[in-house]
Amino acid sequence: MTGSRGPNSLPANVHALRGASKTPIANLTDSLQPEIEIPGCPNHLLKEARKEWKRITPELEKYGLISKLDRAALAAYCQSWALLVFVEEQLQRRMAIYEKKRLDAEARGEVYEGGDGLVEFTTNGNIIHSPYIAMRSRLIYTLQQALVNFGFTPAARGRVTPSTRLNRDMFDDQPDTGGGFANIG
């Protein structure tokens, strides 16, 4: 929810319950209520992303938080998750390599000063963060945005409005306008 200032607005039903709303009680829905349906998983997702898709979509469906409209946002979340898993694995692997180097140096009676996988030393002796640290930070930020958008965090749950439309066509309530085009007379 980047770009918005101040606290998020309260849903209409909260305003109505508090008695401080101009919204009629008969109209408590804040927005579009799409049909609750799990979209198809995109083929381009990484294996770990597809695993996350299969794990999270039943939960989103159970709570009315998913529709076909959410395919791209959910794909971005799952792909970011898969990339974060990859980066974490790479960090662990690098840390294991540096730990082995440290133990080997100790066995030879030497002091190892080559970093630990999280920080490294350049050929000039400067200390730098592993590139995976920056990648991890960016992925965590991206994931946090997606978590908020889907209501995955405790604070965000109160700001999402689940859909109440089950097994209905999205346009059932719409009047027939004769082929979908307005009559411009």
N, C-alpha and C. Protein backbone atom coordinates (compact mmCIF):
# COMPACT_ATOMS: atom_id res chain seq x y z
N MET A 1 0.83 -1.17 0.00
CA MET A 1 0.00 0.00 0.00
C MET A 1 0.88 1.24 0.00
N THR A 2 1.80 1.26 -0.90
CA THR A 2 2.71 2.38 -0.97
C THR A 2 2.03 3.59 -1.56
N GLY A 3 2.49 4.75 -1.15
CA GLY A 3 1.98 5.99 -1.71
C GLY A 3 0.83 6.61 -0.93
N SER A 4 0.21 5.88 -0.02
CA SER A 4 -0.89 6.45 0.74
C SER A 4 -0.34 7.07 2.02
N ARG A 5 -0.96 8.15 2.44
CA ARG A 5 -0.52 8.84 3.64
C ARG A 5 -1.55 8.65 4.74
N GLY A 6 -1.05 8.66 5.95
CA GLY A 6 -1.91 8.55 7.10
C GLY A 6 -2.42 7.14 7.31
N PRO A 7 -3.26 6.98 8.31
CA PRO A 7 -3.77 5.64 8.58
C PRO A 7 -4.74 5.19 7.49
N ASN A 8 -4.84 3.88 7.32
CA ASN A 8 -5.78 3.34 6.35
C ASN A 8 -7.20 3.63 6.81
N SER A 9 -8.08 3.85 5.85
CA SER A 9 -9.47 4.14 6.20
C SER A 9 -10.14 2.89 6.74
N LEU A 10 -11.08 3.12 7.63
CA LEU A 10 -11.83 2.01 8.21
C LEU A 10 -12.91 1.54 7.24
N PRO A 11 -13.23 0.25 7.26
CA PRO A 11 -14.31 -0.25 6.42
C PRO A 11 -15.64 0.38 6.84
N ALA A 12 -16.59 0.42 5.92
CA ALA A 12 -17.89 1.03 6.17
C ALA A 12 -18.63 0.36 7.32
N ASN A 13 -18.47 -0.97 7.46
CA ASN A 13 -19.18 -1.64 8.54
C ASN A 13 -18.69 -1.19 9.92
N VAL A 14 -17.41 -0.84 10.05
CA VAL A 14 -16.89 -0.34 11.32
C VAL A 14 -17.47 1.05 11.60
N HIS A 15 -17.51 1.89 10.58
CA HIS A 15 -18.13 3.21 10.75
C HIS A 15 -19.59 3.07 11.16
N ALA A 16 -20.30 2.16 10.52
CA ALA A 16 -21.72 1.98 10.84
C ALA A 16 -21.91 1.50 12.27
N LEU A 17 -21.06 0.57 12.71
CA LEU A 17 -21.17 0.07 14.08
C LEU A 17 -20.85 1.14 15.11
N ARG A 18 -19.94 2.03 14.77
CA ARG A 18 -19.59 3.12 15.68
C ARG A 18 -20.62 4.25 15.64
N GLY A 19 -21.48 4.24 14.64
CA GLY A 19 -22.50 5.26 14.53
C GLY A 19 -21.98 6.58 14.00
N ALA A 20 -20.81 6.58 13.39
CA ALA A 20 -20.23 7.82 12.90
C ALA A 20 -20.05 7.76 11.39
N SER A 21 -21.05 7.24 10.73
CA SER A 21 -20.90 7.07 9.28
C SER A 21 -22.08 7.65 8.54
N LYS A 22 -21.80 8.22 7.40
CA LYS A 22 -22.86 8.70 6.52
C LYS A 22 -23.30 7.60 5.57
N THR A 23 -22.60 6.46 5.61
CA THR A 23 -22.93 5.34 4.76
C THR A 23 -24.17 4.64 5.31
N PRO A 24 -25.19 4.44 4.48
CA PRO A 24 -26.37 3.73 4.96
C PRO A 24 -26.01 2.31 5.38
N ILE A 25 -26.66 1.82 6.44
CA ILE A 25 -26.37 0.48 6.94
C ILE A 25 -26.70 -0.58 5.89
N ALA A 26 -27.63 -0.32 5.01
CA ALA A 26 -27.99 -1.28 3.98
C ALA A 26 -26.84 -1.48 2.98
N ASN A 27 -25.89 -0.55 2.89
CA ASN A 27 -24.80 -0.64 1.93
C ASN A 27 -23.46 -0.72 2.67
N LEU A 28 -23.19 -1.87 3.28
CA LEU A 28 -21.98 -2.01 4.08
C LEU A 28 -20.79 -2.56 3.30
N THR A 29 -20.96 -2.88 2.04
CA THR A 29 -19.81 -3.37 1.28
C THR A 29 -19.04 -2.18 0.76
N ASP A 30 -17.72 -2.23 0.90
CA ASP A 30 -16.87 -1.12 0.51
C ASP A 30 -16.47 -1.15 -0.96
N SER A 31 -16.48 -2.32 -1.55
CA SER A 31 -15.90 -2.42 -2.87
C SER A 31 -16.47 -3.60 -3.64
N LEU A 32 -15.85 -3.85 -4.77
CA LEU A 32 -16.20 -4.97 -5.61
C LEU A 32 -16.14 -6.27 -4.82
N GLN A 33 -17.10 -7.13 -5.01
CA GLN A 33 -17.13 -8.42 -4.34
C GLN A 33 -17.00 -9.51 -5.40
N PRO A 34 -15.77 -9.80 -5.85
CA PRO A 34 -15.60 -10.81 -6.89
C PRO A 34 -15.90 -12.21 -6.36
N GLU A 35 -16.16 -13.11 -7.28
CA GLU A 35 -16.41 -14.50 -6.91
C GLU A 35 -15.15 -15.09 -6.30
N ILE A 36 -15.32 -15.81 -5.22
CA ILE A 36 -14.20 -16.46 -4.56
C ILE A 36 -13.80 -17.67 -5.40
N GLU A 37 -12.60 -17.60 -5.95
CA GLU A 37 -12.14 -18.67 -6.82
C GLU A 37 -10.61 -18.61 -6.91
N ILE A 38 -9.98 -19.78 -6.86
CA ILE A 38 -8.52 -19.86 -6.98
C ILE A 38 -8.16 -19.77 -8.46
N PRO A 39 -7.34 -18.78 -8.84
CA PRO A 39 -6.91 -18.68 -10.24
C PRO A 39 -5.90 -19.78 -10.55
N GLY A 40 -5.73 -20.05 -11.84
CA GLY A 40 -4.74 -21.04 -12.25
C GLY A 40 -3.33 -20.55 -11.97
N CYS A 41 -2.47 -21.48 -11.56
CA CYS A 41 -1.08 -21.15 -11.26
C CYS A 41 -0.32 -20.93 -12.56
N PRO A 42 0.37 -19.80 -12.72
CA PRO A 42 1.14 -19.55 -13.95
C PRO A 42 2.27 -20.58 -14.12
N ASN A 43 2.52 -20.95 -15.35
CA ASN A 43 3.54 -21.96 -15.66
C ASN A 43 4.96 -21.48 -15.40
N HIS A 44 5.19 -20.18 -15.45
CA HIS A 44 6.56 -19.67 -15.33
C HIS A 44 7.09 -19.65 -13.90
N LEU A 45 6.24 -19.94 -12.93
CA LEU A 45 6.70 -19.86 -11.54
C LEU A 45 7.74 -20.92 -11.24
N LEU A 46 8.69 -20.57 -10.39
CA LEU A 46 9.70 -21.52 -9.93
C LEU A 46 9.04 -22.63 -9.11
N LYS A 47 9.73 -23.74 -8.95
CA LYS A 47 9.18 -24.89 -8.23
C LYS A 47 8.74 -24.50 -6.81
N GLU A 48 9.59 -23.77 -6.10
CA GLU A 48 9.26 -23.35 -4.74
C GLU A 48 8.06 -22.40 -4.73
N ALA A 49 7.92 -21.58 -5.77
CA ALA A 49 6.77 -20.66 -5.88
C ALA A 49 5.48 -21.46 -6.08
N ARG A 50 5.55 -22.50 -6.89
CA ARG A 50 4.35 -23.35 -7.10
C ARG A 50 3.96 -24.06 -5.81
N LYS A 51 4.97 -24.47 -5.02
CA LYS A 51 4.66 -25.09 -3.73
C LYS A 51 3.95 -24.11 -2.81
N GLU A 52 4.42 -22.85 -2.80
CA GLU A 52 3.77 -21.84 -1.96
C GLU A 52 2.37 -21.55 -2.47
N TRP A 53 2.18 -21.53 -3.79
CA TRP A 53 0.85 -21.31 -4.40
C TRP A 53 -0.11 -22.38 -3.88
N LYS A 54 0.33 -23.63 -3.93
CA LYS A 54 -0.53 -24.75 -3.48
C LYS A 54 -0.80 -24.68 -1.99
N ARG A 55 0.15 -24.16 -1.22
CA ARG A 55 -0.03 -24.07 0.22
C ARG A 55 -0.99 -22.95 0.61
N ILE A 56 -0.86 -21.79 -0.02
CA ILE A 56 -1.58 -20.61 0.45
C ILE A 56 -2.97 -20.45 -0.17
N THR A 57 -3.17 -20.91 -1.39
CA THR A 57 -4.46 -20.65 -2.05
C THR A 57 -5.65 -21.29 -1.34
N PRO A 58 -5.55 -22.51 -0.80
CA PRO A 58 -6.71 -23.01 -0.06
C PRO A 58 -7.07 -22.16 1.16
N GLU A 59 -6.07 -21.60 1.81
CA GLU A 59 -6.33 -20.73 2.96
C GLU A 59 -7.01 -19.44 2.52
N LEU A 60 -6.51 -18.86 1.43
CA LEU A 60 -7.13 -17.63 0.92
C LEU A 60 -8.57 -17.89 0.50
N GLU A 61 -8.82 -19.03 -0.11
CA GLU A 61 -10.19 -19.37 -0.53
C GLU A 61 -11.08 -19.56 0.69
N LYS A 62 -10.56 -20.24 1.70
CA LYS A 62 -11.33 -20.51 2.92
C LYS A 62 -11.82 -19.22 3.57
N TYR A 63 -10.99 -18.17 3.51
CA TYR A 63 -11.34 -16.90 4.15
C TYR A 63 -11.91 -15.87 3.18
N GLY A 64 -12.18 -16.28 1.95
CA GLY A 64 -12.79 -15.37 0.97
C GLY A 64 -11.87 -14.26 0.51
N LEU A 65 -10.58 -14.53 0.44
CA LEU A 65 -9.62 -13.49 0.09
C LEU A 65 -8.96 -13.70 -1.27
N ILE A 66 -9.58 -14.48 -2.15
CA ILE A 66 -8.95 -14.73 -3.45
C ILE A 66 -10.00 -14.80 -4.54
N SER A 67 -9.62 -14.31 -5.70
CA SER A 67 -10.45 -14.41 -6.89
C SER A 67 -9.52 -14.51 -8.08
N LYS A 68 -10.07 -14.70 -9.26
CA LYS A 68 -9.26 -14.76 -10.46
C LYS A 68 -8.52 -13.43 -10.70
N LEU A 69 -9.06 -12.35 -10.16
CA LEU A 69 -8.42 -11.04 -10.31
C LEU A 69 -7.05 -10.97 -9.62
N ASP A 70 -6.80 -11.87 -8.68
CA ASP A 70 -5.60 -11.81 -7.86
C ASP A 70 -4.43 -12.62 -8.41
N ARG A 71 -4.55 -13.16 -9.60
CA ARG A 71 -3.53 -14.06 -10.14
C ARG A 71 -2.15 -13.40 -10.19
N ALA A 72 -2.04 -12.22 -10.75
CA ALA A 72 -0.74 -11.57 -10.89
C ALA A 72 -0.14 -11.22 -9.53
N ALA A 73 -0.94 -10.68 -8.63
CA ALA A 73 -0.43 -10.31 -7.30
C ALA A 73 0.02 -11.55 -6.54
N LEU A 74 -0.74 -12.62 -6.63
CA LEU A 74 -0.38 -13.85 -5.95
C LEU A 74 0.87 -14.47 -6.58
N ALA A 75 0.99 -14.40 -7.90
CA ALA A 75 2.18 -14.91 -8.58
C ALA A 75 3.42 -14.13 -8.14
N ALA A 76 3.30 -12.82 -8.01
CA ALA A 76 4.42 -11.99 -7.57
C ALA A 76 4.82 -12.37 -6.14
N TYR A 77 3.84 -12.57 -5.28
CA TYR A 77 4.11 -12.99 -3.91
C TYR A 77 4.84 -14.34 -3.88
N CYS A 78 4.30 -15.31 -4.60
CA CYS A 78 4.88 -16.65 -4.59
C CYS A 78 6.29 -16.67 -5.19
N GLN A 79 6.48 -15.92 -6.26
CA GLN A 79 7.80 -15.88 -6.89
C GLN A 79 8.81 -15.19 -5.96
N SER A 80 8.38 -14.14 -5.28
CA SER A 80 9.26 -13.47 -4.32
C SER A 80 9.62 -14.42 -3.18
N TRP A 81 8.65 -15.20 -2.75
CA TRP A 81 8.90 -16.18 -1.70
C TRP A 81 9.95 -17.20 -2.18
N ALA A 82 9.79 -17.71 -3.40
CA ALA A 82 10.73 -18.69 -3.93
C ALA A 82 12.14 -18.10 -4.04
N LEU A 83 12.23 -16.86 -4.47
CA LEU A 83 13.54 -16.21 -4.58
C LEU A 83 14.16 -16.00 -3.20
N LEU A 84 13.34 -15.66 -2.21
CA LEU A 84 13.84 -15.50 -0.85
C LEU A 84 14.38 -16.83 -0.32
N VAL A 85 13.68 -17.91 -0.58
CA VAL A 85 14.15 -19.24 -0.16
C VAL A 85 15.51 -19.52 -0.81
N PHE A 86 15.64 -19.23 -2.11
CA PHE A 86 16.90 -19.44 -2.82
C PHE A 86 18.03 -18.62 -2.19
N VAL A 87 17.77 -17.35 -1.93
CA VAL A 87 18.79 -16.46 -1.36
C VAL A 87 19.20 -16.96 0.03
N GLU A 88 18.24 -17.37 0.84
CA GLU A 88 18.56 -17.89 2.17
C GLU A 88 19.42 -19.15 2.07
N GLU A 89 19.11 -20.02 1.11
CA GLU A 89 19.92 -21.23 0.91
C GLU A 89 21.35 -20.86 0.49
N GLN A 90 21.47 -19.87 -0.38
CA GLN A 90 22.81 -19.43 -0.82
C GLN A 90 23.60 -18.85 0.35
N LEU A 91 22.93 -18.07 1.20
CA LEU A 91 23.61 -17.52 2.37
C LEU A 91 24.09 -18.63 3.29
N GLN A 92 23.25 -19.62 3.52
CA GLN A 92 23.64 -20.73 4.39
C GLN A 92 24.82 -21.49 3.79
N ARG A 93 24.79 -21.69 2.48
CA ARG A 93 25.89 -22.39 1.82
C ARG A 93 27.20 -21.60 1.95
N ARG A 94 27.12 -20.29 1.72
CA ARG A 94 28.33 -19.45 1.84
C ARG A 94 28.84 -19.44 3.27
N MET A 95 27.94 -19.38 4.22
CA MET A 95 28.36 -19.39 5.62
C MET A 95 29.05 -20.71 5.97
N ALA A 96 28.55 -21.81 5.43
CA ALA A 96 29.17 -23.11 5.67
C ALA A 96 30.57 -23.16 5.06
N ILE A 97 30.74 -22.59 3.87
CA ILE A 97 32.05 -22.55 3.22
C ILE A 97 33.04 -21.75 4.06
N TYR A 98 32.60 -20.57 4.53
CA TYR A 98 33.49 -19.74 5.35
C TYR A 98 33.78 -20.38 6.70
N GLU A 99 32.81 -21.09 7.25
CA GLU A 99 33.04 -21.79 8.52
C GLU A 99 34.09 -22.89 8.33
N LYS A 100 34.01 -23.61 7.21
CA LYS A 100 35.01 -24.64 6.91
C LYS A 100 36.40 -24.02 6.77
N LYS A 101 36.48 -22.89 6.08
CA LYS A 101 37.77 -22.20 5.93
C LYS A 101 38.32 -21.79 7.29
N ARG A 102 37.45 -21.31 8.18
CA ARG A 102 37.87 -20.90 9.52
C ARG A 102 38.39 -22.09 10.32
N LEU A 103 37.67 -23.21 10.25
CA LEU A 103 38.08 -24.41 10.98
C LEU A 103 39.40 -24.96 10.43
N ASP A 104 39.55 -24.93 9.11
CA ASP A 104 40.80 -25.39 8.50
C ASP A 104 41.97 -24.52 8.94
N ALA A 105 41.75 -23.21 9.00
CA ALA A 105 42.81 -22.29 9.44
C ALA A 105 43.17 -22.55 10.90
N GLU A 106 42.17 -22.78 11.75
CA GLU A 106 42.41 -23.08 13.16
C GLU A 106 43.20 -24.37 13.31
N ALA A 107 42.88 -25.37 12.48
CA ALA A 107 43.57 -26.65 12.54
C ALA A 107 45.05 -26.48 12.18
N ARG A 108 45.35 -25.53 11.33
CA ARG A 108 46.74 -25.25 10.96
C ARG A 108 47.40 -24.29 11.95
N GLY A 109 46.65 -23.83 12.94
CA GLY A 109 47.20 -22.91 13.93
C GLY A 109 47.21 -21.47 13.45
N GLU A 110 46.42 -21.16 12.44
CA GLU A 110 46.36 -19.80 11.88
C GLU A 110 45.08 -19.11 12.34
N VAL A 111 45.09 -17.80 12.22
CA VAL A 111 43.89 -17.01 12.50
C VAL A 111 43.22 -16.71 11.17
N TYR A 112 41.95 -17.06 11.08
CA TYR A 112 41.21 -16.83 9.83
C TYR A 112 40.54 -15.47 9.88
N GLU A 113 40.76 -14.65 8.86
CA GLU A 113 40.15 -13.32 8.79
C GLU A 113 39.49 -13.11 7.44
N GLY A 114 38.77 -14.09 6.98
CA GLY A 114 38.19 -13.99 5.64
C GLY A 114 36.70 -13.76 5.59
N GLY A 115 36.09 -13.39 6.67
CA GLY A 115 34.65 -13.17 6.67
C GLY A 115 33.91 -14.40 7.16
N ASP A 116 32.57 -14.29 7.14
CA ASP A 116 31.75 -15.39 7.63
C ASP A 116 30.63 -15.76 6.66
N GLY A 117 30.63 -15.18 5.49
CA GLY A 117 29.56 -15.43 4.52
C GLY A 117 28.55 -14.30 4.50
N LEU A 118 28.35 -13.66 5.63
CA LEU A 118 27.46 -12.49 5.68
C LEU A 118 28.24 -11.23 5.35
N VAL A 119 29.45 -11.16 5.89
CA VAL A 119 30.38 -10.10 5.51
C VAL A 119 31.61 -10.76 4.93
N GLU A 120 32.22 -10.07 3.99
CA GLU A 120 33.40 -10.62 3.32
C GLU A 120 34.45 -9.53 3.24
N PHE A 121 35.67 -9.94 2.97
CA PHE A 121 36.75 -9.01 2.81
C PHE A 121 37.15 -8.95 1.34
N THR A 122 37.31 -7.76 0.83
CA THR A 122 37.76 -7.60 -0.55
C THR A 122 39.27 -7.84 -0.61
N THR A 123 39.82 -7.87 -1.81
CA THR A 123 41.28 -8.06 -1.95
C THR A 123 42.05 -6.89 -1.35
N ASN A 124 41.40 -5.74 -1.23
CA ASN A 124 42.03 -4.56 -0.61
C ASN A 124 41.90 -4.57 0.90
N GLY A 125 41.15 -5.54 1.44
CA GLY A 125 40.96 -5.62 2.89
C GLY A 125 39.73 -4.91 3.40
N ASN A 126 38.93 -4.37 2.52
CA ASN A 126 37.69 -3.71 2.93
C ASN A 126 36.63 -4.75 3.27
N ILE A 127 35.78 -4.41 4.22
CA ILE A 127 34.68 -5.29 4.60
C ILE A 127 33.44 -4.89 3.80
N ILE A 128 32.78 -5.89 3.19
CA ILE A 128 31.54 -5.64 2.46
C ILE A 128 30.50 -6.67 2.88
N HIS A 129 29.25 -6.30 2.72
CA HIS A 129 28.17 -7.27 2.94
C HIS A 129 28.11 -8.19 1.75
N SER A 130 27.68 -9.40 1.99
CA SER A 130 27.44 -10.33 0.90
C SER A 130 26.34 -9.75 0.02
N PRO A 131 26.42 -9.91 -1.30
CA PRO A 131 25.34 -9.42 -2.16
C PRO A 131 24.00 -10.05 -1.83
N TYR A 132 24.04 -11.24 -1.25
CA TYR A 132 22.79 -11.91 -0.89
C TYR A 132 22.05 -11.18 0.24
N ILE A 133 22.77 -10.43 1.05
CA ILE A 133 22.12 -9.67 2.13
C ILE A 133 21.22 -8.60 1.54
N ALA A 134 21.72 -7.87 0.55
CA ALA A 134 20.90 -6.83 -0.10
C ALA A 134 19.72 -7.46 -0.83
N MET A 135 19.96 -8.58 -1.49
CA MET A 135 18.86 -9.26 -2.19
C MET A 135 17.80 -9.72 -1.19
N ARG A 136 18.24 -10.25 -0.06
CA ARG A 136 17.30 -10.73 0.96
C ARG A 136 16.46 -9.56 1.49
N SER A 137 17.11 -8.44 1.77
CA SER A 137 16.37 -7.28 2.29
C SER A 137 15.30 -6.81 1.32
N ARG A 138 15.65 -6.74 0.05
CA ARG A 138 14.68 -6.29 -0.96
C ARG A 138 13.53 -7.28 -1.10
N LEU A 139 13.83 -8.56 -1.08
CA LEU A 139 12.78 -9.58 -1.19
C LEU A 139 11.86 -9.56 0.02
N ILE A 140 12.42 -9.35 1.20
CA ILE A 140 11.59 -9.28 2.41
C ILE A 140 10.66 -8.07 2.32
N TYR A 141 11.16 -6.95 1.83
CA TYR A 141 10.32 -5.76 1.66
C TYR A 141 9.19 -6.05 0.67
N THR A 142 9.52 -6.68 -0.46
CA THR A 142 8.51 -7.02 -1.47
C THR A 142 7.47 -7.97 -0.89
N LEU A 143 7.93 -8.97 -0.15
CA LEU A 143 7.01 -9.92 0.47
C LEU A 143 6.12 -9.23 1.49
N GLN A 144 6.67 -8.32 2.26
CA GLN A 144 5.87 -7.61 3.26
C GLN A 144 4.73 -6.85 2.60
N GLN A 145 5.00 -6.23 1.46
CA GLN A 145 3.95 -5.52 0.73
C GLN A 145 2.84 -6.49 0.32
N ALA A 146 3.23 -7.64 -0.22
CA ALA A 146 2.24 -8.64 -0.65
C ALA A 146 1.48 -9.19 0.55
N LEU A 147 2.16 -9.42 1.65
CA LEU A 147 1.50 -9.93 2.85
C LEU A 147 0.42 -8.97 3.33
N VAL A 148 0.70 -7.70 3.29
CA VAL A 148 -0.28 -6.69 3.70
C VAL A 148 -1.46 -6.67 2.72
N ASN A 149 -1.18 -6.72 1.44
CA ASN A 149 -2.25 -6.66 0.44
C ASN A 149 -3.22 -7.82 0.55
N PHE A 150 -2.73 -9.00 0.92
CA PHE A 150 -3.61 -10.16 1.05
C PHE A 150 -4.13 -10.34 2.48
N GLY A 151 -3.73 -9.49 3.40
CA GLY A 151 -4.21 -9.60 4.77
C GLY A 151 -3.52 -10.71 5.54
N PHE A 152 -2.24 -11.01 5.20
CA PHE A 152 -1.52 -12.11 5.85
C PHE A 152 -0.91 -11.72 7.19
N THR A 153 -0.86 -10.45 7.52
CA THR A 153 -0.29 -10.04 8.79
C THR A 153 -1.41 -9.71 9.76
N PRO A 154 -1.16 -9.83 11.06
CA PRO A 154 -2.22 -9.53 12.04
C PRO A 154 -2.79 -8.12 11.88
N ALA A 155 -1.94 -7.14 11.63
CA ALA A 155 -2.41 -5.76 11.49
C ALA A 155 -3.22 -5.58 10.21
N ALA A 156 -2.87 -6.31 9.16
CA ALA A 156 -3.54 -6.14 7.87
C ALA A 156 -4.88 -6.86 7.80
N ARG A 157 -5.09 -7.83 8.66
CA ARG A 157 -6.35 -8.60 8.60
C ARG A 157 -7.57 -7.72 8.78
N GLY A 158 -7.46 -6.70 9.60
CA GLY A 158 -8.59 -5.81 9.82
C GLY A 158 -8.85 -4.87 8.67
N ARG A 159 -7.90 -4.78 7.71
CA ARG A 159 -8.05 -3.84 6.61
C ARG A 159 -8.48 -4.50 5.31
N VAL A 160 -8.58 -5.81 5.29
CA VAL A 160 -9.03 -6.47 4.07
C VAL A 160 -10.49 -6.85 4.23
N THR A 161 -11.19 -6.82 3.14
CA THR A 161 -12.60 -7.18 3.14
C THR A 161 -12.77 -8.46 2.34
N PRO A 162 -13.10 -9.55 3.00
CA PRO A 162 -13.29 -10.78 2.25
C PRO A 162 -14.52 -10.69 1.36
N SER A 163 -14.46 -11.39 0.26
CA SER A 163 -15.61 -11.45 -0.63
C SER A 163 -16.63 -12.41 -0.05
N THR A 164 -17.88 -12.13 -0.28
CA THR A 164 -18.95 -13.00 0.19
C THR A 164 -19.61 -13.74 -0.97
N ARG A 165 -19.05 -13.60 -2.15
CA ARG A 165 -19.64 -14.20 -3.35
C ARG A 165 -19.09 -15.59 -3.57
N LEU A 166 -19.92 -16.56 -3.36
CA LEU A 166 -19.54 -17.95 -3.57
C LEU A 166 -20.31 -18.53 -4.75
N ASN A 167 -19.59 -19.19 -5.64
CA ASN A 167 -20.20 -19.92 -6.75
C ASN A 167 -21.25 -19.12 -7.52
N ARG A 168 -20.95 -17.89 -7.81
CA ARG A 168 -21.86 -17.06 -8.59
C ARG A 168 -21.08 -16.40 -9.69
N ASP A 169 -21.74 -16.12 -10.76
CA ASP A 169 -21.10 -15.38 -11.84
C ASP A 169 -20.95 -13.94 -11.41
N MET A 170 -19.83 -13.32 -11.72
CA MET A 170 -19.52 -11.96 -11.28
C MET A 170 -20.54 -10.95 -11.77
N PHE A 171 -21.19 -11.24 -12.87
CA PHE A 171 -22.11 -10.26 -13.46
C PHE A 171 -23.57 -10.66 -13.32
N ASP A 172 -23.91 -11.55 -12.39
CA ASP A 172 -25.29 -11.97 -12.21
C ASP A 172 -26.22 -10.82 -11.85
N ASP A 173 -25.75 -9.86 -11.02
CA ASP A 173 -26.62 -8.77 -10.56
C ASP A 173 -26.79 -7.66 -11.59
N GLN A 174 -25.99 -7.68 -12.64
CA GLN A 174 -26.01 -6.59 -13.59
C GLN A 174 -27.19 -6.71 -14.55
N PRO A 175 -27.87 -5.59 -14.82
CA PRO A 175 -28.99 -5.64 -15.75
C PRO A 175 -28.50 -5.89 -17.18
N ASP A 176 -29.32 -6.54 -17.95
CA ASP A 176 -28.97 -6.81 -19.35
C ASP A 176 -29.13 -5.51 -20.12
N THR A 177 -28.05 -5.13 -20.80
CA THR A 177 -28.07 -3.88 -21.57
C THR A 177 -28.09 -4.13 -23.06
N GLY A 178 -28.47 -5.34 -23.44
CA GLY A 178 -28.54 -5.65 -24.87
C GLY A 178 -27.19 -5.83 -25.51
N GLY A 179 -26.42 -6.78 -25.04
CA GLY A 179 -25.13 -7.07 -25.67
C GLY A 179 -23.97 -6.36 -25.01
N GLY A 180 -24.17 -5.64 -23.95
CA GLY A 180 -23.08 -5.04 -23.22
C GLY A 180 -22.69 -3.64 -23.70
N PHE A 181 -23.37 -3.10 -24.69
CA PHE A 181 -23.01 -1.78 -25.17
C PHE A 181 -24.11 -0.79 -24.76
N ALA A 182 -23.70 0.37 -24.36
CA ALA A 182 -24.67 1.41 -23.97
C ALA A 182 -25.36 1.95 -25.21
N ASN A 183 -26.61 2.29 -25.06
CA ASN A 183 -27.36 2.87 -26.17
C ASN A 183 -27.08 4.36 -26.20
N ILE A 184 -26.29 4.78 -27.16
CA ILE A 184 -25.97 6.21 -27.30
C ILE A 184 -26.88 6.74 -28.38
N GLY A 185 -27.92 7.36 -27.98
CA GLY A 185 -28.97 7.71 -28.87
C GLY A 185 -28.88 8.87 -29.67
